[in-house]
Amino acid sequence: MVRYPHTATILSSTDWSVENGKHVKGEKSVTKIKGRFDSVNPGNAFKYDKSGNEIKVQGAFYTKHKPVVGAYRLKIDLQGIDRQIVCWEEYQKHTVIYV
């Protein structure tokens, strides 16, 4: 298993957008980012999702990439990881995607 760096695929979508003053149907997009994935110790890692629900996280992906609007899924093909994104936290020099 490759420890670092990992290439992850971020799936994102927007429900709608405004173009020229009109509502336009949203789009789905795929973004490739580099970083490091680490599993989280079970039993003590909880984060809050967009709705404010507390969710137990199973892993964290560390990257310098800024958060992608509407991101909902993280995939790392070489490790067989395909998980829903719980939250994406931004810090001064990096961001962390919790899955």
PDB file of N, CA and C in Angstrom:
ATOM      1  N   MET A   1       0.843  -1.176   0.000  1.00  0.00           N
ATOM      2  CA  MET A   1       0.000   0.000   0.000  1.00  0.00           C
ATOM      3  C   MET A   1       0.893   1.246   0.000  1.00  0.00           C
ATOM      4  N   VAL A   2       0.559   2.208  -0.829  1.00  0.00           N
ATOM      5  CA  VAL A   2       1.302   3.454  -0.915  1.00  0.00           C
ATOM      6  C   VAL A   2       0.848   4.379   0.208  1.00  0.00           C
ATOM      7  N   ARG A   3       1.782   4.847   1.031  1.00  0.00           N
ATOM      8  CA  ARG A   3       1.423   5.705   2.149  1.00  0.00           C
ATOM      9  C   ARG A   3       1.216   7.148   1.706  1.00  0.00           C
ATOM     10  N   TYR A   4       2.102   7.662   0.846  1.00  0.00           N
ATOM     11  CA  TYR A   4       2.009   9.063   0.449  1.00  0.00           C
ATOM     12  C   TYR A   4       2.787   9.255  -0.827  1.00  0.00           C
ATOM     13  N   PRO A   5       2.405  10.021  -1.774  1.00  0.00           N
ATOM     14  CA  PRO A   5       1.116  10.733  -1.861  1.00  0.00           C
ATOM     15  C   PRO A   5       0.038   9.852  -2.478  1.00  0.00           C
ATOM     16  N   HIS A   6      -1.178  10.189  -2.198  1.00  0.00           N
ATOM     17  CA  HIS A   6      -2.333   9.530  -2.795  1.00  0.00           C
ATOM     18  C   HIS A   6      -2.995  10.511  -3.754  1.00  0.00           C
ATOM     19  N   THR A   7      -3.577   9.986  -4.813  1.00  0.00           N
ATOM     20  CA  THR A   7      -4.381  10.805  -5.711  1.00  0.00           C
ATOM     21  C   THR A   7      -5.834  10.425  -5.477  1.00  0.00           C
ATOM     22  N   ALA A   8      -6.616  11.400  -5.085  1.00  0.00           N
ATOM     23  CA  ALA A   8      -8.033  11.169  -4.790  1.00  0.00           C
ATOM     24  C   ALA A   8      -8.900  11.844  -5.848  1.00  0.00           C
ATOM     25  N   THR A   9     -10.056  11.273  -6.051  1.00  0.00           N
ATOM     26  CA  THR A   9     -11.059  11.848  -6.935  1.00  0.00           C
ATOM     27  C   THR A   9     -12.185  12.376  -6.057  1.00  0.00           C
ATOM     28  N   ILE A  10     -12.510  13.647  -6.241  1.00  0.00           N
ATOM     29  CA  ILE A  10     -13.598  14.283  -5.501  1.00  0.00           C
ATOM     30  C   ILE A  10     -14.773  14.449  -6.453  1.00  0.00           C
ATOM     31  N   LEU A  11     -15.913  13.896  -6.071  1.00  0.00           N
ATOM     32  CA  LEU A  11     -17.136  14.076  -6.847  1.00  0.00           C
ATOM     33  C   LEU A  11     -17.927  15.202  -6.205  1.00  0.00           C
ATOM     34  N   SER A  12     -18.398  16.120  -7.025  1.00  0.00           N
ATOM     35  CA  SER A  12     -19.167  17.245  -6.500  1.00  0.00           C
ATOM     36  C   SER A  12     -20.323  17.566  -7.439  1.00  0.00           C
ATOM     37  N   SER A  13     -21.309  18.235  -6.890  1.00  0.00           N
ATOM     38  CA  SER A  13     -22.441  18.662  -7.705  1.00  0.00           C
ATOM     39  C   SER A  13     -23.030  19.922  -7.102  1.00  0.00           C
ATOM     40  N   THR A  14     -23.635  20.682  -7.957  1.00  0.00           N
ATOM     41  CA  THR A  14     -24.374  21.861  -7.513  1.00  0.00           C
ATOM     42  C   THR A  14     -25.825  21.668  -7.926  1.00  0.00           C
ATOM     43  N   ASP A  15     -26.737  22.033  -7.043  1.00  0.00           N
ATOM     44  CA  ASP A  15     -28.153  21.877  -7.356  1.00  0.00           C
ATOM     45  C   ASP A  15     -28.586  22.829  -8.464  1.00  0.00           C
ATOM     46  N   TRP A  16     -28.083  24.052  -8.375  1.00  0.00           N
ATOM     47  CA  TRP A  16     -28.423  25.053  -9.372  1.00  0.00           C
ATOM     48  C   TRP A  16     -27.439  26.206  -9.262  1.00  0.00           C
ATOM     49  N   SER A  17     -27.427  27.049 -10.261  1.00  0.00           N
ATOM     50  CA  SER A  17     -26.598  28.246 -10.230  1.00  0.00           C
ATOM     51  C   SER A  17     -27.352  29.373 -10.930  1.00  0.00           C
ATOM     52  N   VAL A  18     -26.821  30.565 -10.826  1.00  0.00           N
ATOM     53  CA  VAL A  18     -27.434  31.719 -11.469  1.00  0.00           C
ATOM     54  C   VAL A  18     -26.494  32.218 -12.555  1.00  0.00           C
ATOM     55  N   GLU A  19     -27.002  32.264 -13.794  1.00  0.00           N
ATOM     56  CA  GLU A  19     -26.239  32.779 -14.923  1.00  0.00           C
ATOM     57  C   GLU A  19     -27.104  33.789 -15.661  1.00  0.00           C
ATOM     58  N   ASN A  20     -26.566  34.986 -15.829  1.00  0.00           N
ATOM     59  CA  ASN A  20     -27.297  36.070 -16.499  1.00  0.00           C
ATOM     60  C   ASN A  20     -28.659  36.311 -15.852  1.00  0.00           C
ATOM     61  N   GLY A  21     -28.714  36.183 -14.526  1.00  0.00           N
ATOM     62  CA  GLY A  21     -29.938  36.455 -13.801  1.00  0.00           C
ATOM     63  C   GLY A  21     -30.976  35.348 -13.851  1.00  0.00           C
ATOM     64  N   LYS A  22     -30.618  34.178 -14.415  1.00  0.00           N
ATOM     65  CA  LYS A  22     -31.573  33.079 -14.510  1.00  0.00           C
ATOM     66  C   LYS A  22     -31.030  31.857 -13.779  1.00  0.00           C
ATOM     67  N   HIS A  23     -31.942  31.073 -13.197  1.00  0.00           N
ATOM     68  CA  HIS A  23     -31.547  29.829 -12.540  1.00  0.00           C
ATOM     69  C   HIS A  23     -31.233  28.779 -13.604  1.00  0.00           C
ATOM     70  N   VAL A  24     -30.088  28.126 -13.439  1.00  0.00           N
ATOM     71  CA  VAL A  24     -29.648  27.111 -14.384  1.00  0.00           C
ATOM     72  C   VAL A  24     -29.425  25.813 -13.605  1.00  0.00           C
ATOM     73  N   LYS A  25     -29.835  24.688 -14.203  1.00  0.00           N
ATOM     74  CA  LYS A  25     -29.670  23.393 -13.556  1.00  0.00           C
ATOM     75  C   LYS A  25     -28.193  23.136 -13.254  1.00  0.00           C
ATOM     76  N   GLY A  26     -27.924  22.550 -12.090  1.00  0.00           N
ATOM     77  CA  GLY A  26     -26.560  22.300 -11.642  1.00  0.00           C
ATOM     78  C   GLY A  26     -25.820  21.258 -12.459  1.00  0.00           C
ATOM     79  N   GLU A  27     -24.543  21.158 -12.183  1.00  0.00           N
ATOM     80  CA  GLU A  27     -23.682  20.226 -12.901  1.00  0.00           C
ATOM     81  C   GLU A  27     -22.949  19.335 -11.921  1.00  0.00           C
ATOM     82  N   LYS A  28     -22.544  18.175 -12.403  1.00  0.00           N
ATOM     83  CA  LYS A  28     -21.695  17.290 -11.623  1.00  0.00           C
ATOM     84  C   LYS A  28     -20.279  17.442 -12.163  1.00  0.00           C
ATOM     85  N   SER A  29     -19.299  17.376 -11.252  1.00  0.00           N
ATOM     86  CA  SER A  29     -17.918  17.507 -11.697  1.00  0.00           C
ATOM     87  C   SER A  29     -17.019  16.547 -10.932  1.00  0.00           C
ATOM     88  N   VAL A  30     -15.856  16.299 -11.512  1.00  0.00           N
ATOM     89  CA  VAL A  30     -14.849  15.418 -10.935  1.00  0.00           C
ATOM     90  C   VAL A  30     -13.561  16.217 -10.822  1.00  0.00           C
ATOM     91  N   THR A  31     -12.947  16.196  -9.634  1.00  0.00           N
ATOM     92  CA  THR A  31     -11.699  16.920  -9.394  1.00  0.00           C
ATOM     93  C   THR A  31     -10.675  15.945  -8.832  1.00  0.00           C
ATOM     94  N   LYS A  32      -9.474  15.937  -9.405  1.00  0.00           N
ATOM     95  CA  LYS A  32      -8.375  15.091  -8.911  1.00  0.00           C
ATOM     96  C   LYS A  32      -7.494  15.948  -8.008  1.00  0.00           C
ATOM     97  N   ILE A  33      -7.191  15.432  -6.807  1.00  0.00           N
ATOM     98  CA  ILE A  33      -6.321  16.155  -5.882  1.00  0.00           C
ATOM     99  C   ILE A  33      -5.296  15.192  -5.293  1.00  0.00           C
ATOM    100  N   LYS A  34      -4.178  15.739  -4.844  1.00  0.00           N
ATOM    101  CA  LYS A  34      -3.132  14.941  -4.216  1.00  0.00           C
ATOM    102  C   LYS A  34      -3.110  15.231  -2.727  1.00  0.00           C
ATOM    103  N   GLY A  35      -2.748  14.217  -1.943  1.00  0.00           N
ATOM    104  CA  GLY A  35      -2.682  14.382  -0.505  1.00  0.00           C
ATOM    105  C   GLY A  35      -2.317  13.077   0.161  1.00  0.00           C
ATOM    106  N   ARG A  36      -2.699  12.947   1.438  1.00  0.00           N
ATOM    107  CA  ARG A  36      -2.389  11.746   2.212  1.00  0.00           C
ATOM    108  C   ARG A  36      -3.642  11.281   2.942  1.00  0.00           C
ATOM    109  N   PHE A  37      -3.947   9.989   2.823  1.00  0.00           N
ATOM    110  CA  PHE A  37      -5.098   9.422   3.513  1.00  0.00           C
ATOM    111  C   PHE A  37      -4.612   8.638   4.722  1.00  0.00           C
ATOM    112  N   ASP A  38      -5.255   8.853   5.863  1.00  0.00           N
ATOM    113  CA  ASP A  38      -4.982   8.097   7.081  1.00  0.00           C
ATOM    114  C   ASP A  38      -6.296   7.593   7.651  1.00  0.00           C
ATOM    115  N   SER A  39      -6.283   6.350   8.106  1.00  0.00           N
ATOM    116  CA  SER A  39      -7.449   5.820   8.818  1.00  0.00           C
ATOM    117  C   SER A  39      -7.501   6.468  10.193  1.00  0.00           C
ATOM    118  N   VAL A  40      -8.699   6.598  10.737  1.00  0.00           N
ATOM    119  CA  VAL A  40      -8.891   7.210  12.044  1.00  0.00           C
ATOM    120  C   VAL A  40      -9.180   6.094  13.036  1.00  0.00           C
ATOM    121  N   ASN A  41      -8.638   6.209  14.250  1.00  0.00           N
ATOM    122  CA  ASN A  41      -8.897   5.215  15.288  1.00  0.00           C
ATOM    123  C   ASN A  41     -10.388   5.145  15.579  1.00  0.00           C
ATOM    124  N   PRO A  42     -10.957   3.937  15.577  1.00  0.00           N
ATOM    125  CA  PRO A  42     -12.395   3.820  15.831  1.00  0.00           C
ATOM    126  C   PRO A  42     -12.747   4.178  17.276  1.00  0.00           C
ATOM    127  N   GLY A  43     -13.938   4.703  17.429  1.00  0.00           N
ATOM    128  CA  GLY A  43     -14.447   4.958  18.771  1.00  0.00           C
ATOM    129  C   GLY A  43     -14.259   6.362  19.297  1.00  0.00           C
ATOM    130  N   ASN A  44     -13.356   7.148  18.732  1.00  0.00           N
ATOM    131  CA  ASN A  44     -13.134   8.469  19.318  1.00  0.00           C
ATOM    132  C   ASN A  44     -13.117   9.614  18.305  1.00  0.00           C
ATOM    133  N   ALA A  45     -13.471   9.364  17.070  1.00  0.00           N
ATOM    134  CA  ALA A  45     -13.430  10.417  16.061  1.00  0.00           C
ATOM    135  C   ALA A  45     -14.838  10.725  15.562  1.00  0.00           C
ATOM    136  N   PHE A  46     -15.345  11.874  15.967  1.00  0.00           N
ATOM    137  CA  PHE A  46     -16.670  12.316  15.539  1.00  0.00           C
ATOM    138  C   PHE A  46     -16.559  13.717  14.949  1.00  0.00           C
ATOM    139  N   LYS A  47     -17.317  13.974  13.894  1.00  0.00           N
ATOM    140  CA  LYS A  47     -17.398  15.296  13.264  1.00  0.00           C
ATOM    141  C   LYS A  47     -18.856  15.586  12.977  1.00  0.00           C
ATOM    142  N   TYR A  48     -19.154  16.836  12.700  1.00  0.00           N
ATOM    143  CA  TYR A  48     -20.519  17.249  12.373  1.00  0.00           C
ATOM    144  C   TYR A  48     -20.646  17.456  10.875  1.00  0.00           C
ATOM    145  N   ASP A  49     -21.721  16.924  10.284  1.00  0.00           N
ATOM    146  CA  ASP A  49     -21.963  17.140   8.858  1.00  0.00           C
ATOM    147  C   ASP A  49     -22.649  18.486   8.642  1.00  0.00           C
ATOM    148  N   LYS A  50     -23.014  18.771   7.383  1.00  0.00           N
ATOM    149  CA  LYS A  50     -23.635  20.056   7.043  1.00  0.00           C
ATOM    150  C   LYS A  50     -24.944  20.300   7.773  1.00  0.00           C
ATOM    151  N   SER A  51     -25.636  19.228   8.133  1.00  0.00           N
ATOM    152  CA  SER A  51     -26.924  19.351   8.819  1.00  0.00           C
ATOM    153  C   SER A  51     -26.782  19.457  10.327  1.00  0.00           C
ATOM    154  N   GLY A  52     -25.556  19.351  10.838  1.00  0.00           N
ATOM    155  CA  GLY A  52     -25.327  19.444  12.267  1.00  0.00           C
ATOM    156  C   GLY A  52     -25.397  18.112  12.992  1.00  0.00           C
ATOM    157  N   ASN A  53     -25.507  17.024  12.237  1.00  0.00           N
ATOM    158  CA  ASN A  53     -25.552  15.690  12.840  1.00  0.00           C
ATOM    159  C   ASN A  53     -24.145  15.213  13.153  1.00  0.00           C
ATOM    160  N   GLU A  54     -23.975  14.587  14.323  1.00  0.00           N
ATOM    161  CA  GLU A  54     -22.678  14.052  14.708  1.00  0.00           C
ATOM    162  C   GLU A  54     -22.487  12.692  14.038  1.00  0.00           C
ATOM    163  N   ILE A  55     -21.368  12.541  13.308  1.00  0.00           N
ATOM    164  CA  ILE A  55     -21.103  11.322  12.558  1.00  0.00           C
ATOM    165  C   ILE A  55     -19.716  10.805  12.903  1.00  0.00           C
ATOM    166  N   LYS A  56     -19.614   9.509  13.069  1.00  0.00           N
ATOM    167  CA  LYS A  56     -18.329   8.857  13.340  1.00  0.00           C
ATOM    168  C   LYS A  56     -17.540   8.798  12.029  1.00  0.00           C
ATOM    169  N   VAL A  57     -16.311   9.294  12.028  1.00  0.00           N
ATOM    170  CA  VAL A  57     -15.496   9.281  10.811  1.00  0.00           C
ATOM    171  C   VAL A  57     -14.565   8.082  10.815  1.00  0.00           C
ATOM    172  N   GLN A  58     -14.239   7.605   9.613  1.00  0.00           N
ATOM    173  CA  GLN A  58     -13.394   6.429   9.446  1.00  0.00           C
ATOM    174  C   GLN A  58     -12.023   6.769   8.893  1.00  0.00           C
ATOM    175  N   GLY A  59     -11.860   7.976   8.360  1.00  0.00           N
ATOM    176  CA  GLY A  59     -10.583   8.347   7.782  1.00  0.00           C
ATOM    177  C   GLY A  59     -10.499   9.834   7.527  1.00  0.00           C
ATOM    178  N   ALA A  60      -9.270  10.294   7.254  1.00  0.00           N
ATOM    179  CA  ALA A  60      -9.025  11.710   6.968  1.00  0.00           C
ATOM    180  C   ALA A  60      -8.061  11.812   5.796  1.00  0.00           C
ATOM    181  N   PHE A  61      -8.345  12.715   4.870  1.00  0.00           N
ATOM    182  CA  PHE A  61      -7.494  12.964   3.713  1.00  0.00           C
ATOM    183  C   PHE A  61      -6.926  14.364   3.858  1.00  0.00           C
ATOM    184  N   TYR A  62      -5.600  14.470   3.990  1.00  0.00           N
ATOM    185  CA  TYR A  62      -4.913  15.745   4.175  1.00  0.00           C
ATOM    186  C   TYR A  62      -4.397  16.241   2.830  1.00  0.00           C
ATOM    187  N   THR A  63      -4.693  17.506   2.500  1.00  0.00           N
ATOM    188  CA  THR A  63      -4.295  18.060   1.216  1.00  0.00           C
ATOM    189  C   THR A  63      -4.093  19.571   1.330  1.00  0.00           C
ATOM    190  N   LYS A  64      -3.455  20.154   0.332  1.00  0.00           N
ATOM    191  CA  LYS A  64      -3.317  21.611   0.270  1.00  0.00           C
ATOM    192  C   LYS A  64      -4.388  22.224  -0.625  1.00  0.00           C
ATOM    193  N   HIS A  65      -5.226  21.376  -1.219  1.00  0.00           N
ATOM    194  CA  HIS A  65      -6.285  21.820  -2.118  1.00  0.00           C
ATOM    195  C   HIS A  65      -7.394  22.499  -1.322  1.00  0.00           C
ATOM    196  N   LYS A  66      -7.889  23.598  -1.831  1.00  0.00           N
ATOM    197  CA  LYS A  66      -9.002  24.308  -1.181  1.00  0.00           C
ATOM    198  C   LYS A  66     -10.291  23.499  -1.328  1.00  0.00           C
ATOM    199  N   PRO A  67     -11.239  23.663  -0.402  1.00  0.00           N
ATOM    200  CA  PRO A  67     -12.502  22.909  -0.486  1.00  0.00           C
ATOM    201  C   PRO A  67     -13.236  23.149  -1.800  1.00  0.00           C
ATOM    202  N   VAL A  68     -13.834  22.087  -2.316  1.00  0.00           N
ATOM    203  CA  VAL A  68     -14.607  22.134  -3.549  1.00  0.00           C
ATOM    204  C   VAL A  68     -16.081  22.286  -3.169  1.00  0.00           C
ATOM    205  N   VAL A  69     -16.741  23.250  -3.757  1.00  0.00           N
ATOM    206  CA  VAL A  69     -18.153  23.496  -3.458  1.00  0.00           C
ATOM    207  C   VAL A  69     -18.986  22.297  -3.917  1.00  0.00           C
ATOM    208  N   GLY A  70     -19.838  21.809  -3.039  1.00  0.00           N
ATOM    209  CA  GLY A  70     -20.730  20.710  -3.383  1.00  0.00           C
ATOM    210  C   GLY A  70     -20.082  19.335  -3.349  1.00  0.00           C
ATOM    211  N   ALA A  71     -18.873  19.224  -2.776  1.00  0.00           N
ATOM    212  CA  ALA A  71     -18.192  17.926  -2.725  1.00  0.00           C
ATOM    213  C   ALA A  71     -18.965  16.965  -1.835  1.00  0.00           C
ATOM    214  N   TYR A  72     -19.177  15.739  -2.330  1.00  0.00           N
ATOM    215  CA  TYR A  72     -19.947  14.776  -1.544  1.00  0.00           C
ATOM    216  C   TYR A  72     -19.309  13.392  -1.467  1.00  0.00           C
ATOM    217  N   ARG A  73     -18.295  13.098  -2.271  1.00  0.00           N
ATOM    218  CA  ARG A  73     -17.710  11.755  -2.268  1.00  0.00           C
ATOM    219  C   ARG A  73     -16.213  11.814  -2.527  1.00  0.00           C
ATOM    220  N   LEU A  74     -15.445  10.944  -1.826  1.00  0.00           N
ATOM    221  CA  LEU A  74     -13.998  10.840  -1.987  1.00  0.00           C
ATOM    222  C   LEU A  74     -13.670   9.424  -2.439  1.00  0.00           C
ATOM    223  N   LYS A  75     -12.880   9.306  -3.508  1.00  0.00           N
ATOM    224  CA  LYS A  75     -12.465   7.999  -4.013  1.00  0.00           C
ATOM    225  C   LYS A  75     -10.947   7.966  -4.142  1.00  0.00           C
ATOM    226  N   ILE A  76     -10.342   6.877  -3.664  1.00  0.00           N
ATOM    227  CA  ILE A  76      -8.920   6.631  -3.883  1.00  0.00           C
ATOM    228  C   ILE A  76      -8.844   5.222  -4.462  1.00  0.00           C
ATOM    229  N   ASP A  77      -8.685   5.136  -5.766  1.00  0.00           N
ATOM    230  CA  ASP A  77      -8.762   3.860  -6.468  1.00  0.00           C
ATOM    231  C   ASP A  77      -7.700   2.859  -6.026  1.00  0.00           C
ATOM    232  N   LEU A  78      -6.463   3.291  -5.838  1.00  0.00           N
ATOM    233  CA  LEU A  78      -5.387   2.370  -5.480  1.00  0.00           C
ATOM    234  C   LEU A  78      -5.595   1.701  -4.129  1.00  0.00           C
ATOM    235  N   GLN A  79      -6.364   2.323  -3.254  1.00  0.00           N
ATOM    236  CA  GLN A  79      -6.622   1.748  -1.937  1.00  0.00           C
ATOM    237  C   GLN A  79      -8.040   1.187  -1.815  1.00  0.00           C
ATOM    238  N   GLY A  80      -8.832   1.318  -2.852  1.00  0.00           N
ATOM    239  CA  GLY A  80     -10.194   0.803  -2.822  1.00  0.00           C
ATOM    240  C   GLY A  80     -11.111   1.592  -1.910  1.00  0.00           C
ATOM    241  N   ILE A  81     -10.844   2.876  -1.753  1.00  0.00           N
ATOM    242  CA  ILE A  81     -11.658   3.720  -0.870  1.00  0.00           C
ATOM    243  C   ILE A  81     -12.681   4.476  -1.704  1.00  0.00           C
ATOM    244  N   ASP A  82     -13.927   4.391  -1.291  1.00  0.00           N
ATOM    245  CA  ASP A  82     -15.023   5.115  -1.933  1.00  0.00           C
ATOM    246  C   ASP A  82     -16.013   5.455  -0.821  1.00  0.00           C
ATOM    247  N   ARG A  83     -15.885   6.657  -0.265  1.00  0.00           N
ATOM    248  CA  ARG A  83     -16.677   7.029   0.916  1.00  0.00           C
ATOM    249  C   ARG A  83     -17.311   8.401   0.764  1.00  0.00           C
ATOM    250  N   GLN A  84     -18.398   8.586   1.492  1.00  0.00           N
ATOM    251  CA  GLN A  84     -19.087   9.875   1.528  1.00  0.00           C
ATOM    252  C   GLN A  84     -18.278  10.850   2.377  1.00  0.00           C
ATOM    253  N   ILE A  85     -18.207  12.099   1.960  1.00  0.00           N
ATOM    254  CA  ILE A  85     -17.496  13.134   2.711  1.00  0.00           C
ATOM    255  C   ILE A  85     -18.400  13.624   3.834  1.00  0.00           C
ATOM    256  N   VAL A  86     -17.891  13.565   5.074  1.00  0.00           N
ATOM    257  CA  VAL A  86     -18.638  14.059   6.226  1.00  0.00           C
ATOM    258  C   VAL A  86     -18.484  15.575   6.305  1.00  0.00           C
ATOM    259  N   CYS A  87     -17.235  16.057   6.284  1.00  0.00           N
ATOM    260  CA  CYS A  87     -16.978  17.489   6.286  1.00  0.00           C
ATOM    261  C   CYS A  87     -15.588  17.745   5.710  1.00  0.00           C
ATOM    262  N   TRP A  88     -15.345  18.980   5.301  1.00  0.00           N
ATOM    263  CA  TRP A  88     -14.067  19.389   4.712  1.00  0.00           C
ATOM    264  C   TRP A  88     -13.645  20.648   5.463  1.00  0.00           C
ATOM    265  N   GLU A  89     -12.654  20.512   6.348  1.00  0.00           N
ATOM    266  CA  GLU A  89     -12.228  21.622   7.196  1.00  0.00           C
ATOM    267  C   GLU A  89     -10.983  22.288   6.613  1.00  0.00           C
ATOM    268  N   GLU A  90     -10.978  23.615   6.664  1.00  0.00           N
ATOM    269  CA  GLU A  90      -9.879  24.397   6.103  1.00  0.00           C
ATOM    270  C   GLU A  90      -9.046  25.009   7.230  1.00  0.00           C
ATOM    271  N   TYR A  91      -7.743  24.845   7.132  1.00  0.00           N
ATOM    272  CA  TYR A  91      -6.796  25.420   8.081  1.00  0.00           C
ATOM    273  C   TYR A  91      -5.899  26.398   7.335  1.00  0.00           C
ATOM    274  N   GLN A  92      -4.889  26.958   7.995  1.00  0.00           N
ATOM    275  CA  GLN A  92      -4.057  27.987   7.363  1.00  0.00           C
ATOM    276  C   GLN A  92      -3.304  27.473   6.140  1.00  0.00           C
ATOM    277  N   LYS A  93      -2.673  26.308   6.252  1.00  0.00           N
ATOM    278  CA  LYS A  93      -1.840  25.827   5.146  1.00  0.00           C
ATOM    279  C   LYS A  93      -2.329  24.533   4.505  1.00  0.00           C
ATOM    280  N   HIS A  94      -3.386  23.943   5.029  1.00  0.00           N
ATOM    281  CA  HIS A  94      -3.894  22.702   4.467  1.00  0.00           C
ATOM    282  C   HIS A  94      -5.377  22.561   4.780  1.00  0.00           C
ATOM    283  N   THR A  95      -5.984  21.533   4.186  1.00  0.00           N
ATOM    284  CA  THR A  95      -7.370  21.203   4.492  1.00  0.00           C
ATOM    285  C   THR A  95      -7.439  19.711   4.821  1.00  0.00           C
ATOM    286  N   VAL A  96      -8.508  19.317   5.513  1.00  0.00           N
ATOM    287  CA  VAL A  96      -8.704  17.929   5.882  1.00  0.00           C
ATOM    288  C   VAL A  96     -10.122  17.521   5.471  1.00  0.00           C
ATOM    289  N   ILE A  97     -10.203  16.425   4.710  1.00  0.00           N
ATOM    290  CA  ILE A  97     -11.496  15.880   4.295  1.00  0.00           C
ATOM    291  C   ILE A  97     -11.759  14.671   5.183  1.00  0.00           C
ATOM    292  N   TYR A  98     -12.818  14.735   5.971  1.00  0.00           N
ATOM    293  CA  TYR A  98     -13.184  13.612   6.834  1.00  0.00           C
ATOM    294  C   TYR A  98     -14.234  12.754   6.150  1.00  0.00           C
ATOM    295  N   VAL A  99     -13.984  11.436   6.152  1.00  0.00           N
ATOM    296  CA  VAL A  99     -14.913  10.494   5.494  1.00  0.00           C
ATOM    297  C   VAL A  99     -15.331   9.412   6.477  1.00  0.00           C
TER     298      VAL A  99
END
